[in-house]
Amino acid sequence: MVVLSDIDNIIINSIKEDMPSGDITTDNIIDENAKSEARLIAKNSGVIAGLDIAKRVFELLDQNVKFDKHISEGQWVNVGDVIATINGNTRALLKGERTALNILQRLSGIASQTREYADKIKHLKAKVVDTRKTTPGIRVLEKYAVRVGGGTNHRFCLSDGVLIKDNHIKAAGGIKKAIDLVRNKIPHTIKIEVETETIDQVLEAIDGKADIIMLDNMGLDIMKEAVKIINGKAIVEASGNVNLNSVVDIAETGVDIISVGSLTHSVTAFDISMKIS
């Protein structure tokens, strides 16, 4: 029995979505034995991510396809650069075009934006991380693109680690109580993170011996005060109202991690075209 990888399953589902009953245009115009060469061309400047995934799209449609990369994964490209050349069955090239481009454009957009954030604070200790604000079904791809762009991944899913947020705190009856409840039921190897919005909550998280303290939507002055109070007793994460204009000021408060939801939830796709010769 052939076991498909998670990536293959994502690609196959995407292809099925795009042509549930074949490609009515291509199948009625292009001879089934026709061969063609196509080029992937950058129409923006930025970081390319997802080349092997795009290649796999065409491989699943034509096992004899030849996909030649002209750049490396994570490389910066400029407008007009040829990213890859593809030789294979013409029907397969046309049927795979949109799925391959959708993936490559979205992942390259994420990688390019992540690179902007990472470069802004590369002289400081803080790291840029993503969130779970991802497109349903392709989180693994989007978080991969963050890494290609120079960022770091936060937890992948709710099973990965404890993150006690405002609604957990309200439901449990307080930060300390929530920490005690979860600590008694999880392995000692799992870290506990707590979301805080005030200095009083920071103090309560410290008292509960949280491993990571998130400073959520805090002003810079309060954030600086919180970092001083925590003083190495926990990893400090800043979250909320982070953008390219504010990220340096936030990093300069001394936090260890800056989580940026917009890396994945509101990214602009990188513009790439496919041209058959």
C-alpha atoms as a PDB file:
ATOM      1  CA  MET A   1       0.000   0.000   0.000  1.00  0.00           C
ATOM      2  CA  VAL A   2       1.316   3.445  -0.930  1.00  0.00           C
ATOM      3  CA  VAL A   3       1.352   5.841   2.008  1.00  0.00           C
ATOM      4  CA  LEU A   4       1.054   9.440   0.880  1.00  0.00           C
ATOM      5  CA  SER A   5       2.834  12.175   2.781  1.00  0.00           C
ATOM      6  CA  ASP A   6       0.873  15.028   4.352  1.00  0.00           C
ATOM      7  CA  ILE A   7       2.233  17.312   1.623  1.00  0.00           C
ATOM      8  CA  ASP A   8       1.049  14.956  -1.127  1.00  0.00           C
ATOM      9  CA  ASN A   9      -2.404  14.847   0.432  1.00  0.00           C
ATOM     10  CA  ILE A  10      -2.585  18.648   0.511  1.00  0.00           C
ATOM     11  CA  ILE A  11      -1.544  18.815  -3.155  1.00  0.00           C
ATOM     12  CA  ILE A  12      -3.921  16.071  -4.292  1.00  0.00           C
ATOM     13  CA  ASN A  13      -6.862  17.691  -2.491  1.00  0.00           C
ATOM     14  CA  SER A  14      -5.974  21.028  -4.078  1.00  0.00           C
ATOM     15  CA  ILE A  15      -5.826  19.480  -7.553  1.00  0.00           C
ATOM     16  CA  LYS A  16      -9.173  17.748  -6.985  1.00  0.00           C
ATOM     17  CA  GLU A  17     -10.664  21.042  -5.868  1.00  0.00           C
ATOM     18  CA  ASP A  18      -9.427  22.731  -9.054  1.00  0.00           C
ATOM     19  CA  MET A  19     -10.520  20.015 -11.480  1.00  0.00           C
ATOM     20  CA  PRO A  20     -12.952  17.548  -9.891  1.00  0.00           C
ATOM     21  CA  SER A  21     -13.886  16.162 -13.333  1.00  0.00           C
ATOM     22  CA  GLY A  22     -10.794  17.008 -15.347  1.00  0.00           C
ATOM     23  CA  ASP A  23      -9.818  20.222 -17.129  1.00  0.00           C
ATOM     24  CA  ILE A  24     -12.546  20.787 -19.707  1.00  0.00           C
ATOM     25  CA  THR A  25     -10.476  23.386 -21.547  1.00  0.00           C
ATOM     26  CA  THR A  26      -7.103  21.663 -21.682  1.00  0.00           C
ATOM     27  CA  ASP A  27      -8.501  18.188 -22.324  1.00  0.00           C
ATOM     28  CA  ASN A  28     -10.343  19.422 -25.411  1.00  0.00           C
ATOM     29  CA  ILE A  29      -7.578  21.578 -26.897  1.00  0.00           C
ATOM     30  CA  ILE A  30      -4.246  19.915 -26.112  1.00  0.00           C
ATOM     31  CA  ASP A  31      -3.154  16.575 -27.549  1.00  0.00           C
ATOM     32  CA  GLU A  32      -2.571  14.057 -24.774  1.00  0.00           C
ATOM     33  CA  ASN A  33       0.983  13.373 -25.990  1.00  0.00           C
ATOM     34  CA  ALA A  34       2.040  17.023 -26.455  1.00  0.00           C
ATOM     35  CA  LYS A  35       5.196  18.208 -24.659  1.00  0.00           C
ATOM     36  CA  SER A  36       6.088  21.756 -23.642  1.00  0.00           C
ATOM     37  CA  GLU A  37       8.551  23.853 -21.693  1.00  0.00           C
ATOM     38  CA  ALA A  38       7.366  26.449 -19.181  1.00  0.00           C
ATOM     39  CA  ARG A  39       9.170  29.050 -17.088  1.00  0.00           C
ATOM     40  CA  LEU A  40       8.222  30.369 -13.663  1.00  0.00           C
ATOM     41  CA  ILE A  41       8.997  34.089 -13.603  1.00  0.00           C
ATOM     42  CA  ALA A  42       9.119  36.452 -10.601  1.00  0.00           C
ATOM     43  CA  LYS A  43       6.933  39.544 -10.902  1.00  0.00           C
ATOM     44  CA  ASN A  44       7.920  40.859  -7.450  1.00  0.00           C
ATOM     45  CA  SER A  45      11.162  41.089  -5.514  1.00  0.00           C
ATOM     46  CA  GLY A  46      11.452  38.949  -2.410  1.00  0.00           C
ATOM     47  CA  VAL A  47      12.166  35.517  -0.932  1.00  0.00           C
ATOM     48  CA  ILE A  48      11.099  32.336  -2.705  1.00  0.00           C
ATOM     49  CA  ALA A  49       9.681  29.463  -0.648  1.00  0.00           C
ATOM     50  CA  GLY A  50       7.955  26.258  -1.743  1.00  0.00           C
ATOM     51  CA  LEU A  51       9.956  25.227  -4.800  1.00  0.00           C
ATOM     52  CA  ASP A  52       9.943  21.520  -3.968  1.00  0.00           C
ATOM     53  CA  ILE A  53       6.218  21.645  -3.256  1.00  0.00           C
ATOM     54  CA  ALA A  54       5.541  23.282  -6.633  1.00  0.00           C
ATOM     55  CA  LYS A  55       7.752  20.645  -8.246  1.00  0.00           C
ATOM     56  CA  ARG A  56       5.736  17.908  -6.535  1.00  0.00           C
ATOM     57  CA  VAL A  57       2.494  19.263  -7.996  1.00  0.00           C
ATOM     58  CA  PHE A  58       3.785  18.610 -11.503  1.00  0.00           C
ATOM     59  CA  GLU A  59       5.334  15.254 -10.543  1.00  0.00           C
ATOM     60  CA  LEU A  60       1.961  14.001  -9.335  1.00  0.00           C
ATOM     61  CA  LEU A  61       0.466  14.907 -12.722  1.00  0.00           C
ATOM     62  CA  ASP A  62       3.396  13.738 -14.861  1.00  0.00           C
ATOM     63  CA  GLN A  63       5.908  11.327 -13.358  1.00  0.00           C
ATOM     64  CA  ASN A  64       8.382  12.129 -16.152  1.00  0.00           C
ATOM     65  CA  VAL A  65       8.332  15.904 -15.697  1.00  0.00           C
ATOM     66  CA  LYS A  66      11.670  17.696 -15.412  1.00  0.00           C
ATOM     67  CA  PHE A  67      11.685  20.619 -12.966  1.00  0.00           C
ATOM     68  CA  ASP A  68      14.921  22.617 -13.039  1.00  0.00           C
ATOM     69  CA  LYS A  69      15.372  25.191 -10.275  1.00  0.00           C
ATOM     70  CA  HIS A  70      17.363  28.291 -11.196  1.00  0.00           C
ATOM     71  CA  ILE A  71      17.508  29.552  -7.621  1.00  0.00           C
ATOM     72  CA  SER A  72      17.782  28.033  -4.166  1.00  0.00           C
ATOM     73  CA  GLU A  73      14.991  27.805  -1.622  1.00  0.00           C
ATOM     74  CA  GLY A  74      15.011  30.951   0.506  1.00  0.00           C
ATOM     75  CA  GLN A  75      16.937  32.961  -2.088  1.00  0.00           C
ATOM     76  CA  TRP A  76      16.068  36.585  -2.817  1.00  0.00           C
ATOM     77  CA  VAL A  77      14.854  37.209  -6.384  1.00  0.00           C
ATOM     78  CA  ASN A  78      14.092  40.338  -8.372  1.00  0.00           C
ATOM     79  CA  VAL A  79      11.397  41.178 -10.914  1.00  0.00           C
ATOM     80  CA  GLY A  80      11.948  39.218 -14.119  1.00  0.00           C
ATOM     81  CA  ASP A  81      14.145  36.495 -12.618  1.00  0.00           C
ATOM     82  CA  VAL A  82      13.437  32.977 -13.908  1.00  0.00           C
ATOM     83  CA  ILE A  83      12.739  30.846 -10.871  1.00  0.00           C
ATOM     84  CA  ALA A  84      12.454  27.459 -12.578  1.00  0.00           C
ATOM     85  CA  THR A  85      12.055  25.774 -15.953  1.00  0.00           C
ATOM     86  CA  ILE A  86       9.618  22.879 -16.344  1.00  0.00           C
ATOM     87  CA  ASN A  87       9.592  20.360 -19.188  1.00  0.00           C
ATOM     88  CA  GLY A  88       6.848  17.791 -19.502  1.00  0.00           C
ATOM     89  CA  ASN A  89       3.441  16.811 -20.745  1.00  0.00           C
ATOM     90  CA  THR A  90       1.610  19.965 -21.812  1.00  0.00           C
ATOM     91  CA  ARG A  91      -1.689  18.879 -20.264  1.00  0.00           C
ATOM     92  CA  ALA A  92       0.054  18.243 -16.937  1.00  0.00           C
ATOM     93  CA  LEU A  93       1.748  21.651 -17.026  1.00  0.00           C
ATOM     94  CA  LEU A  94      -1.541  23.441 -17.652  1.00  0.00           C
ATOM     95  CA  LYS A  95      -3.480  21.406 -15.094  1.00  0.00           C
ATOM     96  CA  GLY A  96      -0.866  21.926 -12.391  1.00  0.00           C
ATOM     97  CA  GLU A  97      -0.232  25.609 -13.096  1.00  0.00           C
ATOM     98  CA  ARG A  98      -2.747  27.183 -10.725  1.00  0.00           C
ATOM     99  CA  THR A  99      -2.204  24.791  -7.824  1.00  0.00           C
ATOM    100  CA  ALA A 100       1.583  25.125  -8.066  1.00  0.00           C
ATOM    101  CA  LEU A 101       1.429  28.911  -8.348  1.00  0.00           C
ATOM    102  CA  ASN A 102      -1.111  29.285  -5.524  1.00  0.00           C
ATOM    103  CA  ILE A 103       1.194  27.403  -3.169  1.00  0.00           C
ATOM    104  CA  LEU A 104       4.429  28.988  -4.371  1.00  0.00           C
ATOM    105  CA  GLN A 105       2.990  32.515  -4.314  1.00  0.00           C
ATOM    106  CA  ARG A 106       1.499  32.218  -0.831  1.00  0.00           C
ATOM    107  CA  LEU A 107       4.575  30.617   0.727  1.00  0.00           C
ATOM    108  CA  SER A 108       6.897  33.120  -0.955  1.00  0.00           C
ATOM    109  CA  GLY A 109       4.718  35.964   0.302  1.00  0.00           C
ATOM    110  CA  ILE A 110       4.980  34.622   3.853  1.00  0.00           C
ATOM    111  CA  ALA A 111       8.742  34.087   3.571  1.00  0.00           C
ATOM    112  CA  SER A 112       9.263  37.573   2.122  1.00  0.00           C
ATOM    113  CA  GLN A 113       7.274  39.281   4.876  1.00  0.00           C
ATOM    114  CA  THR A 114       8.985  37.224   7.565  1.00  0.00           C
ATOM    115  CA  ARG A 115      12.374  38.251   6.170  1.00  0.00           C
ATOM    116  CA  GLU A 116      11.361  41.917   6.515  1.00  0.00           C
ATOM    117  CA  TYR A 117      10.534  41.440  10.190  1.00  0.00           C
ATOM    118  CA  ALA A 118      13.612  39.329  10.922  1.00  0.00           C
ATOM    119  CA  ASP A 119      15.933  41.834   9.241  1.00  0.00           C
ATOM    120  CA  LYS A 120      14.434  44.712  11.228  1.00  0.00           C
ATOM    121  CA  ILE A 121      15.475  43.196  14.561  1.00  0.00           C
ATOM    122  CA  LYS A 122      18.506  41.095  13.613  1.00  0.00           C
ATOM    123  CA  HIS A 123      20.716  43.310  15.794  1.00  0.00           C
ATOM    124  CA  LEU A 124      18.581  42.535  18.866  1.00  0.00           C
ATOM    125  CA  LYS A 125      18.034  39.329  20.832  1.00  0.00           C
ATOM    126  CA  ALA A 126      14.306  38.977  20.151  1.00  0.00           C
ATOM    127  CA  LYS A 127      13.077  36.365  17.663  1.00  0.00           C
ATOM    128  CA  VAL A 128      10.127  36.720  15.319  1.00  0.00           C
ATOM    129  CA  VAL A 129       7.655  33.831  15.627  1.00  0.00           C
ATOM    130  CA  ASP A 130       4.397  32.944  13.943  1.00  0.00           C
ATOM    131  CA  THR A 131       1.002  32.046  15.450  1.00  0.00           C
ATOM    132  CA  ARG A 132      -1.822  29.580  14.796  1.00  0.00           C
ATOM    133  CA  LYS A 133      -3.591  32.183  12.631  1.00  0.00           C
ATOM    134  CA  THR A 134      -3.015  30.109   9.528  1.00  0.00           C
ATOM    135  CA  THR A 135      -5.056  28.915   6.552  1.00  0.00           C
ATOM    136  CA  PRO A 136      -6.973  25.754   7.560  1.00  0.00           C
ATOM    137  CA  GLY A 137      -5.452  22.660   6.013  1.00  0.00           C
ATOM    138  CA  ILE A 138      -2.073  24.120   5.019  1.00  0.00           C
ATOM    139  CA  ARG A 139      -0.600  25.195   8.353  1.00  0.00           C
ATOM    140  CA  VAL A 140       2.400  22.911   7.900  1.00  0.00           C
ATOM    141  CA  LEU A 141       3.250  24.702   4.644  1.00  0.00           C
ATOM    142  CA  GLU A 142       2.779  28.208   6.017  1.00  0.00           C
ATOM    143  CA  LYS A 143       4.866  27.563   9.107  1.00  0.00           C
ATOM    144  CA  TYR A 144       7.571  26.089   6.868  1.00  0.00           C
ATOM    145  CA  ALA A 145       7.577  29.341   4.870  1.00  0.00           C
ATOM    146  CA  VAL A 146       8.094  31.329   8.086  1.00  0.00           C
ATOM    147  CA  ARG A 147      11.245  29.303   8.763  1.00  0.00           C
ATOM    148  CA  VAL A 148      12.477  29.854   5.205  1.00  0.00           C
ATOM    149  CA  GLY A 149      12.047  33.594   5.740  1.00  0.00           C
ATOM    150  CA  GLY A 150      14.176  33.569   8.883  1.00  0.00           C
ATOM    151  CA  GLY A 151      11.439  33.363  11.504  1.00  0.00           C
ATOM    152  CA  THR A 152      10.714  30.740  14.144  1.00  0.00           C
ATOM    153  CA  ASN A 153       7.633  28.642  14.757  1.00  0.00           C
ATOM    154  CA  HIS A 154       5.384  28.981  17.798  1.00  0.00           C
ATOM    155  CA  ARG A 155       3.387  25.853  18.677  1.00  0.00           C
ATOM    156  CA  PHE A 156       1.924  24.020  15.697  1.00  0.00           C
ATOM    157  CA  CYS A 157      -1.324  23.024  17.379  1.00  0.00           C
ATOM    158  CA  LEU A 158      -3.224  22.888  20.662  1.00  0.00           C
ATOM    159  CA  SER A 159      -1.544  19.565  21.487  1.00  0.00           C
ATOM    160  CA  ASP A 160       1.983  21.008  21.365  1.00  0.00           C
ATOM    161  CA  GLY A 161       2.108  23.043  24.546  1.00  0.00           C
ATOM    162  CA  VAL A 162       0.130  24.793  27.244  1.00  0.00           C
ATOM    163  CA  LEU A 163      -0.935  28.356  26.509  1.00  0.00           C
ATOM    164  CA  ILE A 164      -3.303  29.712  29.134  1.00  0.00           C
ATOM    165  CA  LYS A 165      -5.245  32.559  27.537  1.00  0.00           C
ATOM    166  CA  ASP A 166      -7.769  35.061  28.898  1.00  0.00           C
ATOM    167  CA  ASN A 167     -10.759  32.731  28.489  1.00  0.00           C
ATOM    168  CA  HIS A 168      -8.954  29.878  30.247  1.00  0.00           C
ATOM    169  CA  ILE A 169      -8.114  32.255  33.101  1.00  0.00           C
ATOM    170  CA  LYS A 170     -11.719  33.397  33.467  1.00  0.00           C
ATOM    171  CA  ALA A 171     -13.067  29.857  33.288  1.00  0.00           C
ATOM    172  CA  ALA A 172     -10.521  28.554  35.818  1.00  0.00           C
ATOM    173  CA  GLY A 173     -10.915  31.435  38.266  1.00  0.00           C
ATOM    174  CA  GLY A 174      -7.441  32.982  37.982  1.00  0.00           C
ATOM    175  CA  ILE A 175      -3.951  32.553  36.573  1.00  0.00           C
ATOM    176  CA  LYS A 176      -2.439  30.723  39.546  1.00  0.00           C
ATOM    177  CA  LYS A 177      -5.360  28.310  39.715  1.00  0.00           C
ATOM    178  CA  ALA A 178      -5.171  27.599  35.975  1.00  0.00           C
ATOM    179  CA  ILE A 179      -1.427  26.931  36.191  1.00  0.00           C
ATOM    180  CA  ASP A 180      -1.832  24.593  39.176  1.00  0.00           C
ATOM    181  CA  LEU A 181      -4.643  22.669  37.486  1.00  0.00           C
ATOM    182  CA  VAL A 182      -2.723  22.029  34.270  1.00  0.00           C
ATOM    183  CA  ARG A 183       0.646  21.380  35.928  1.00  0.00           C
ATOM    184  CA  ASN A 184      -0.827  18.491  37.903  1.00  0.00           C
ATOM    185  CA  LYS A 185      -1.985  16.790  34.703  1.00  0.00           C
ATOM    186  CA  ILE A 186       0.818  17.230  32.173  1.00  0.00           C
ATOM    187  CA  PRO A 187       4.320  15.724  31.869  1.00  0.00           C
ATOM    188  CA  HIS A 188       7.149  17.724  33.399  1.00  0.00           C
ATOM    189  CA  THR A 189       8.685  18.110  29.927  1.00  0.00           C
ATOM    190  CA  ILE A 190       5.923  20.452  28.701  1.00  0.00           C
ATOM    191  CA  LYS A 191       6.273  24.193  29.237  1.00  0.00           C
ATOM    192  CA  ILE A 192       3.455  26.384  30.477  1.00  0.00           C
ATOM    193  CA  GLU A 193       2.811  29.783  28.889  1.00  0.00           C
ATOM    194  CA  VAL A 194       0.418  32.359  30.299  1.00  0.00           C
ATOM    195  CA  GLU A 195      -1.129  35.339  28.530  1.00  0.00           C
ATOM    196  CA  THR A 196      -1.093  38.513  30.628  1.00  0.00           C
ATOM    197  CA  GLU A 197      -2.511  41.981  30.053  1.00  0.00           C
ATOM    198  CA  THR A 198      -1.498  43.818  33.242  1.00  0.00           C
ATOM    199  CA  ILE A 199       1.416  43.991  35.680  1.00  0.00           C
ATOM    200  CA  ASP A 200      -0.748  42.317  38.340  1.00  0.00           C
ATOM    201  CA  GLN A 201      -1.268  39.374  36.011  1.00  0.00           C
ATOM    202  CA  VAL A 202       2.468  39.241  35.296  1.00  0.00           C
ATOM    203  CA  LEU A 203       3.126  39.012  39.034  1.00  0.00           C
ATOM    204  CA  GLU A 204       0.554  36.228  39.353  1.00  0.00           C
ATOM    205  CA  ALA A 205       2.166  34.322  36.474  1.00  0.00           C
ATOM    206  CA  ILE A 206       5.570  34.647  38.132  1.00  0.00           C
ATOM    207  CA  ASP A 207       4.081  33.429  41.410  1.00  0.00           C
ATOM    208  CA  GLY A 208       2.665  30.413  39.584  1.00  0.00           C
ATOM    209  CA  LYS A 209       6.104  29.714  38.058  1.00  0.00           C
ATOM    210  CA  ALA A 210       4.991  29.995  34.444  1.00  0.00           C
ATOM    211  CA  ASP A 211       7.745  29.060  31.998  1.00  0.00           C
ATOM    212  CA  ILE A 212       6.724  31.677  29.408  1.00  0.00           C
ATOM    213  CA  ILE A 213       4.860  34.915  30.027  1.00  0.00           C
ATOM    214  CA  MET A 214       3.097  36.573  27.119  1.00  0.00           C
ATOM    215  CA  LEU A 215       2.673  40.346  27.304  1.00  0.00           C
ATOM    216  CA  ASP A 216      -0.496  40.841  25.306  1.00  0.00           C
ATOM    217  CA  ASN A 217      -1.320  44.228  23.771  1.00  0.00           C
ATOM    218  CA  MET A 218       0.755  46.126  26.324  1.00  0.00           C
ATOM    219  CA  GLY A 219       2.119  49.612  25.759  1.00  0.00           C
ATOM    220  CA  LEU A 220       5.895  49.942  25.494  1.00  0.00           C
ATOM    221  CA  ASP A 221       6.360  51.464  28.960  1.00  0.00           C
ATOM    222  CA  ILE A 222       4.350  48.735  30.666  1.00  0.00           C
ATOM    223  CA  MET A 223       6.176  46.117  28.582  1.00  0.00           C
ATOM    224  CA  LYS A 224       9.552  47.462  29.736  1.00  0.00           C
ATOM    225  CA  GLU A 225       8.366  47.362  33.341  1.00  0.00           C
ATOM    226  CA  ALA A 226       7.136  43.786  32.926  1.00  0.00           C
ATOM    227  CA  VAL A 227      10.472  42.655  31.457  1.00  0.00           C
ATOM    228  CA  LYS A 228      12.291  44.158  34.459  1.00  0.00           C
ATOM    229  CA  ILE A 229       9.926  42.476  36.908  1.00  0.00           C
ATOM    230  CA  ILE A 230      10.220  39.077  35.211  1.00  0.00           C
ATOM    231  CA  ASN A 231      14.011  39.496  35.185  1.00  0.00           C
ATOM    232  CA  GLY A 232      14.845  36.122  33.638  1.00  0.00           C
ATOM    233  CA  LYS A 233      12.365  34.113  35.717  1.00  0.00           C
ATOM    234  CA  ALA A 234      10.517  33.197  32.502  1.00  0.00           C
ATOM    235  CA  ILE A 235      10.791  33.583  28.751  1.00  0.00           C
ATOM    236  CA  VAL A 236       9.014  36.782  27.705  1.00  0.00           C
ATOM    237  CA  GLU A 237       6.825  36.946  24.609  1.00  0.00           C
ATOM    238  CA  ALA A 238       5.282  40.115  23.193  1.00  0.00           C
ATOM    239  CA  SER A 239       2.059  39.837  21.227  1.00  0.00           C
ATOM    240  CA  GLY A 240      -0.505  42.187  19.719  1.00  0.00           C
ATOM    241  CA  ASN A 241      -0.235  45.383  17.668  1.00  0.00           C
ATOM    242  CA  VAL A 242       3.007  44.227  16.059  1.00  0.00           C
ATOM    243  CA  ASN A 243       3.840  45.644  12.642  1.00  0.00           C
ATOM    244  CA  LEU A 244       6.955  46.651  10.720  1.00  0.00           C
ATOM    245  CA  ASN A 245       6.826  50.128  12.252  1.00  0.00           C
ATOM    246  CA  SER A 246       6.556  48.919  15.850  1.00  0.00           C
ATOM    247  CA  VAL A 247       8.640  45.723  15.888  1.00  0.00           C
ATOM    248  CA  VAL A 248      11.988  47.416  16.634  1.00  0.00           C
ATOM    249  CA  ASP A 249      10.577  49.389  19.584  1.00  0.00           C
ATOM    250  CA  ILE A 250       9.022  46.207  20.947  1.00  0.00           C
ATOM    251  CA  ALA A 251      12.281  44.264  20.566  1.00  0.00           C
ATOM    252  CA  GLU A 252      14.167  47.030  22.363  1.00  0.00           C
ATOM    253  CA  THR A 253      12.069  46.478  25.522  1.00  0.00           C
ATOM    254  CA  GLY A 254      14.093  43.295  26.092  1.00  0.00           C
ATOM    255  CA  VAL A 255      11.488  40.653  25.240  1.00  0.00           C
ATOM    256  CA  ASP A 256      12.719  37.287  23.984  1.00  0.00           C
ATOM    257  CA  ILE A 257      10.010  36.521  21.441  1.00  0.00           C
ATOM    258  CA  ILE A 258       7.697  38.620  19.289  1.00  0.00           C
ATOM    259  CA  SER A 259       4.715  36.764  17.825  1.00  0.00           C
ATOM    260  CA  VAL A 260       3.284  38.193  14.619  1.00  0.00           C
ATOM    261  CA  GLY A 261      -0.064  36.864  13.415  1.00  0.00           C
ATOM    262  CA  SER A 262       0.061  38.842  10.190  1.00  0.00           C
ATOM    263  CA  LEU A 263       2.948  36.694   8.915  1.00  0.00           C
ATOM    264  CA  THR A 264       0.309  34.165   7.887  1.00  0.00           C
ATOM    265  CA  HIS A 265      -3.174  35.589   8.372  1.00  0.00           C
ATOM    266  CA  SER A 266      -2.975  38.681   6.140  1.00  0.00           C
ATOM    267  CA  VAL A 267       0.022  38.170   3.905  1.00  0.00           C
ATOM    268  CA  THR A 268       0.110  39.430   0.306  1.00  0.00           C
ATOM    269  CA  ALA A 269       0.866  36.671  -2.193  1.00  0.00           C
ATOM    270  CA  PHE A 270       4.132  36.962  -4.110  1.00  0.00           C
ATOM    271  CA  ASP A 271       3.385  37.482  -7.810  1.00  0.00           C
ATOM    272  CA  ILE A 272       4.720  34.698 -10.065  1.00  0.00           C
ATOM    273  CA  SER A 273       3.701  33.810 -13.619  1.00  0.00           C
ATOM    274  CA  MET A 274       4.104  30.624 -15.611  1.00  0.00           C
ATOM    275  CA  LYS A 275       4.814  31.056 -19.330  1.00  0.00           C
ATOM    276  CA  ILE A 276       4.852  28.208 -21.837  1.00  0.00           C
ATOM    277  CA  SER A 277       7.419  28.704 -24.595  1.00  0.00           C
END
